[in-house]
Amino acid sequence: MKLSQILFSQGFGTRRGCVGLALGGAVRVAGAVVDDPDADLPTEGLVLEVDGKPWPYHARALVMLHKPAGYECSQKPRHHPSVMTLLPAPLRERGLQPVGRLDEDTTGLLLLTDDGTLIHRLTSPKKHVPKVYEVGCKHPVEPAVLQRLRDGVVLDDDPAPVRAAACEATGTHDLRLVLTEGKYHQVKRMVAAAGNRVERLHRSAFGPLLIPPGLAPGQWAWVDIDHGGPDWCAAPPPSPAAAR
């Protein structure tokens, strides 16, 4: 693929702007300046250096963000900054969208991608992609509350019971909840329907993915999908409540 096309596909500006980047000597490959916008480069394993910063080529972008509290999962936020402001300009330019949403006061693992097919696959209830939530509750977590969550609770917008795929206490006021579908404010509403109240909420896993230990709140990392990617429907790994 031509260098200018690669830059454009990765979100480095307009087609004309990407030509200018190359002509201006802002792009290096393997340490050498490539100033010909029409230079043909193999994309397999390609790592560009643009304005001194490395950028691996991804035909489709998928990143994980360690979402902090106080950010909205929206392109047009109403009351808080958008999570998009935590991403570099090229990712915003190529149109990444959150895979589902986390409330502004919810922290943890948020996926964003420009692959519409992947978004549908990961958010469809039929695919049963597990998501793990660490929940801090207002009242002590009684066995009866856990059992109600496993058996199913009825939410006010759906007569069909909604069940947790798994549920366990992780402390006197803490529980871990595994869900395979996504409804509006689902965790908060389920816990309320079971007789308690959510005070803190953190998503610790999405499918087989966990937040890497070194990924601080507000930071992001690539998830490789160019070579098959993870088995999304696999059971999530253990996720200690201490990850909150």
Protein backbone atom coordinates (compact mmCIF):
# COMPACT_ATOMS: atom_id res chain seq x y z
CA MET A 1 0.00 0.00 0.00
CA LYS A 2 1.23 3.53 -0.72
CA LEU A 3 2.58 5.42 2.26
CA SER A 4 0.03 8.22 1.94
CA GLN A 5 -2.80 5.66 1.84
CA ILE A 6 -1.43 3.94 4.93
CA LEU A 7 -1.26 7.22 6.82
CA PHE A 8 -4.81 8.09 5.78
CA SER A 9 -6.14 4.66 6.81
CA GLN A 10 -4.53 5.04 10.23
CA GLY A 11 -6.18 8.40 10.91
CA PHE A 12 -3.30 10.82 10.35
CA GLY A 13 -5.45 13.40 8.59
CA THR A 14 -6.87 14.13 5.16
CA ARG A 15 -5.40 12.55 2.06
CA ARG A 16 -3.65 15.81 1.22
CA GLY A 17 -2.45 16.18 4.78
CA CYS A 18 -0.98 12.67 4.72
CA VAL A 19 0.90 13.46 1.51
CA GLY A 20 2.27 16.53 3.28
CA LEU A 21 3.37 14.48 6.28
CA ALA A 22 5.44 12.25 4.04
CA LEU A 23 6.90 15.07 1.95
CA GLY A 24 7.85 16.93 5.11
CA GLY A 25 9.99 14.02 6.34
CA ALA A 26 7.77 13.30 9.34
CA VAL A 27 7.58 9.56 8.66
CA ARG A 28 10.23 6.94 9.36
CA VAL A 29 10.18 3.19 8.77
CA ALA A 30 12.83 1.02 10.43
CA GLY A 31 14.67 4.20 11.42
CA ALA A 32 14.89 5.63 7.89
CA VAL A 33 12.93 8.63 6.64
CA VAL A 34 10.42 7.79 3.91
CA ASP A 35 9.49 11.06 2.20
CA ASP A 36 7.88 9.63 -0.93
CA PRO A 37 4.08 9.53 -0.38
CA ASP A 38 3.79 6.99 -3.23
CA ALA A 39 6.32 4.58 -1.75
CA ASP A 40 4.85 1.07 -1.62
CA LEU A 41 5.20 -0.53 1.79
CA PRO A 42 4.15 -3.97 3.05
CA THR A 43 1.58 -3.57 5.81
CA GLU A 44 2.27 -6.92 7.52
CA GLY A 45 4.08 -6.12 10.75
CA LEU A 46 4.58 -2.50 9.71
CA VAL A 47 5.46 0.00 12.44
CA LEU A 48 5.53 3.61 11.33
CA GLU A 49 7.24 6.39 13.24
CA VAL A 50 5.25 9.60 12.77
CA ASP A 51 6.64 12.79 14.28
CA GLY A 52 8.89 10.64 16.41
CA LYS A 53 6.15 8.40 17.81
CA PRO A 54 5.81 4.69 16.88
CA TRP A 55 2.52 3.60 15.34
CA PRO A 56 1.82 -0.05 14.44
CA TYR A 57 -0.35 -0.53 11.37
CA HIS A 58 -3.76 -2.05 12.06
CA ALA A 59 -6.25 -2.65 9.26
CA ARG A 60 -8.96 -2.54 11.94
CA ALA A 61 -8.42 -0.79 15.22
CA LEU A 62 -9.40 -2.35 18.53
CA VAL A 63 -8.14 -0.82 21.75
CA MET A 64 -8.85 -1.28 25.43
CA LEU A 65 -9.14 1.74 27.68
CA HIS A 66 -8.85 1.71 31.45
CA LYS A 67 -11.80 4.03 31.94
CA PRO A 68 -11.63 6.35 34.93
CA ALA A 69 -14.67 7.79 36.66
CA GLY A 70 -16.02 11.09 35.39
CA TYR A 71 -16.08 10.30 31.65
CA GLU A 72 -19.02 9.57 29.37
CA CYS A 73 -19.00 6.88 26.67
CA SER A 74 -20.41 9.26 24.08
CA GLN A 75 -19.20 11.27 21.11
CA LYS A 76 -21.43 14.11 22.33
CA PRO A 77 -21.24 14.09 26.14
CA ARG A 78 -23.69 16.13 28.18
CA HIS A 79 -22.20 16.55 31.64
CA HIS A 80 -18.69 15.06 31.61
CA PRO A 81 -15.78 14.78 29.14
CA SER A 82 -15.99 12.04 26.51
CA VAL A 83 -13.79 8.97 26.81
CA MET A 84 -12.66 9.83 23.27
CA THR A 85 -10.58 12.68 24.70
CA LEU A 86 -8.37 10.03 26.35
CA LEU A 87 -7.35 8.62 22.95
CA PRO A 88 -4.73 10.04 20.55
CA ALA A 89 -5.94 12.06 17.56
CA PRO A 90 -5.40 9.32 14.93
CA LEU A 91 -7.75 6.93 16.77
CA ARG A 92 -10.38 9.63 17.10
CA GLU A 93 -9.95 10.55 13.43
CA ARG A 94 -10.60 7.02 12.20
CA GLY A 95 -13.92 6.88 14.01
CA LEU A 96 -13.53 4.51 16.94
CA GLN A 97 -16.71 3.80 18.89
CA PRO A 98 -17.16 2.27 22.35
CA VAL A 99 -18.27 -1.36 22.39
CA GLY A 100 -21.24 -0.89 24.67
CA ARG A 101 -21.14 1.76 27.39
CA LEU A 102 -20.05 2.26 30.96
CA ASP A 103 -21.75 4.90 33.11
CA GLU A 104 -19.75 8.03 33.89
CA ASP A 105 -19.14 6.83 37.47
CA THR A 106 -18.19 3.28 36.39
CA THR A 107 -14.53 2.42 35.93
CA GLY A 108 -12.69 -0.40 34.20
CA LEU A 109 -12.23 -2.12 30.89
CA LEU A 110 -13.81 -0.37 27.90
CA LEU A 111 -13.25 -1.56 24.34
CA LEU A 112 -13.33 0.79 21.34
CA THR A 113 -13.12 -0.12 17.66
CA ASP A 114 -13.81 1.06 14.11
CA ASP A 115 -15.03 -2.40 13.12
CA GLY A 116 -18.85 -2.32 12.97
CA THR A 117 -19.10 -6.08 12.51
CA LEU A 118 -17.06 -6.66 15.64
CA ILE A 119 -19.20 -4.23 17.63
CA HIS A 120 -22.31 -6.19 16.64
CA ARG A 121 -20.66 -9.51 17.50
CA LEU A 122 -19.51 -8.34 20.93
CA THR A 123 -22.77 -6.64 21.93
CA SER A 124 -25.28 -9.16 20.56
CA PRO A 125 -27.03 -11.08 23.38
CA LYS A 126 -26.96 -14.15 21.14
CA LYS A 127 -23.16 -14.30 21.29
CA HIS A 128 -23.03 -14.62 25.11
CA VAL A 129 -19.77 -12.70 25.52
CA PRO A 130 -19.08 -12.67 29.30
CA LYS A 131 -18.29 -9.43 31.11
CA VAL A 132 -17.13 -9.35 34.73
CA TYR A 133 -18.09 -6.60 37.16
CA GLU A 134 -16.70 -5.93 40.63
CA VAL A 135 -19.52 -4.37 42.66
CA GLY A 136 -19.32 -2.45 45.92
CA CYS A 137 -22.69 -2.46 47.67
CA LYS A 138 -24.31 -0.17 50.23
CA HIS A 139 -25.57 -3.01 52.40
CA PRO A 140 -23.93 -6.32 53.38
CA VAL A 141 -24.06 -8.92 50.61
CA GLU A 142 -26.40 -11.59 51.95
CA PRO A 143 -26.63 -15.09 50.44
CA ALA A 144 -30.26 -14.36 49.52
CA VAL A 145 -29.16 -11.45 47.32
CA LEU A 146 -26.67 -13.66 45.47
CA GLN A 147 -29.29 -16.34 44.96
CA ARG A 148 -31.78 -13.84 43.54
CA LEU A 149 -29.16 -12.65 41.06
CA ARG A 150 -28.45 -16.24 39.99
CA ASP A 151 -32.13 -17.17 39.76
CA GLY A 152 -33.07 -14.01 37.88
CA VAL A 153 -34.66 -10.67 38.73
CA VAL A 154 -37.31 -8.76 36.81
CA LEU A 155 -36.43 -5.26 35.60
CA ASP A 156 -39.07 -2.61 35.08
CA ASP A 157 -38.76 -2.59 31.27
CA ASP A 158 -38.84 -6.35 30.63
CA PRO A 159 -41.08 -9.04 32.16
CA ALA A 160 -38.53 -11.76 31.45
CA PRO A 161 -36.15 -12.45 34.36
CA VAL A 162 -32.54 -11.37 33.88
CA ARG A 163 -29.98 -13.76 35.37
CA ALA A 164 -26.32 -13.48 36.23
CA ALA A 165 -24.14 -16.03 34.46
CA ALA A 166 -22.20 -16.22 37.72
CA CYS A 167 -22.27 -14.38 41.03
CA GLU A 168 -20.20 -14.59 44.21
CA ALA A 169 -19.43 -12.53 47.28
CA THR A 170 -15.88 -11.12 47.38
CA GLY A 171 -16.22 -9.25 50.69
CA THR A 172 -18.82 -8.27 53.24
CA HIS A 173 -20.10 -5.48 50.97
CA ASP A 174 -18.65 -6.67 47.65
CA LEU A 175 -19.67 -9.08 44.94
CA ARG A 176 -18.51 -10.21 41.53
CA LEU A 177 -21.11 -10.46 38.77
CA VAL A 178 -20.71 -12.08 35.34
CA LEU A 179 -23.19 -11.02 32.63
CA THR A 180 -23.52 -12.17 29.03
CA GLU A 181 -25.85 -9.43 27.83
CA GLY A 182 -25.97 -5.68 28.14
CA LYS A 183 -28.98 -3.63 29.19
CA TYR A 184 -29.22 -0.01 30.29
CA HIS A 185 -27.74 0.35 33.82
CA GLN A 186 -28.06 -3.43 34.06
CA VAL A 187 -25.79 -4.13 37.02
CA LYS A 188 -27.24 -1.31 39.14
CA ARG A 189 -30.80 -2.29 38.33
CA MET A 190 -30.23 -6.00 38.94
CA VAL A 191 -28.60 -5.41 42.31
CA ALA A 192 -31.43 -3.03 43.28
CA ALA A 193 -34.03 -5.59 42.24
CA ALA A 194 -32.23 -8.20 44.36
CA GLY A 195 -32.49 -5.97 47.44
CA ASN A 196 -29.22 -4.03 47.63
CA ARG A 197 -27.66 -0.92 46.09
CA VAL A 198 -24.53 -0.35 43.99
CA GLU A 199 -22.07 2.15 45.48
CA ARG A 200 -19.02 1.34 43.28
CA LEU A 201 -18.80 -0.43 39.94
CA HIS A 202 -15.74 -1.60 38.02
CA ARG A 203 -15.62 -3.82 34.91
CA SER A 204 -12.60 -6.07 35.32
CA ALA A 205 -12.94 -8.33 32.26
CA PHE A 206 -14.51 -8.41 28.81
CA GLY A 207 -14.49 -11.92 27.34
CA PRO A 208 -10.97 -13.24 27.93
CA LEU A 209 -9.45 -9.76 28.28
CA LEU A 210 -8.22 -8.25 31.55
CA ILE A 211 -6.74 -4.80 32.11
CA PRO A 212 -2.94 -5.24 32.06
CA PRO A 213 -1.37 -4.53 35.48
CA GLY A 214 0.56 -1.53 34.14
CA LEU A 215 -2.38 0.13 32.38
CA ALA A 216 -3.35 3.02 34.66
CA PRO A 217 -6.78 4.70 34.63
CA GLY A 218 -7.01 6.92 31.56
CA GLN A 219 -4.47 4.87 29.58
CA TRP A 220 -5.15 2.68 26.52
CA ALA A 221 -3.54 -0.28 24.73
CA TRP A 222 -3.94 -2.11 21.42
CA VAL A 223 -5.81 -5.43 21.21
CA ASP A 224 -4.64 -7.44 18.20
CA ILE A 225 -7.49 -8.54 15.92
CA ASP A 226 -5.56 -8.64 12.65
CA HIS A 227 -4.55 -12.26 13.30
CA GLY A 228 -7.76 -13.78 14.59
CA GLY A 229 -7.87 -12.09 17.97
CA PRO A 230 -9.10 -13.56 21.24
CA ASP A 231 -11.78 -16.16 21.74
CA TRP A 232 -14.44 -13.72 22.90
CA CYS A 233 -16.91 -16.33 24.10
CA ALA A 234 -14.37 -18.09 26.27
CA ALA A 235 -14.95 -17.96 30.01
CA PRO A 236 -13.30 -14.88 31.51
CA PRO A 237 -10.22 -15.43 33.66
CA PRO A 238 -10.40 -14.90 37.42
CA SER A 239 -10.51 -11.20 38.24
CA PRO A 240 -9.70 -10.30 41.85
CA ALA A 241 -11.80 -7.63 43.51
CA ALA A 242 -8.52 -5.93 44.41
CA ALA A 243 -8.35 -4.82 40.75
CA ARG A 244 -10.80 -2.03 41.59
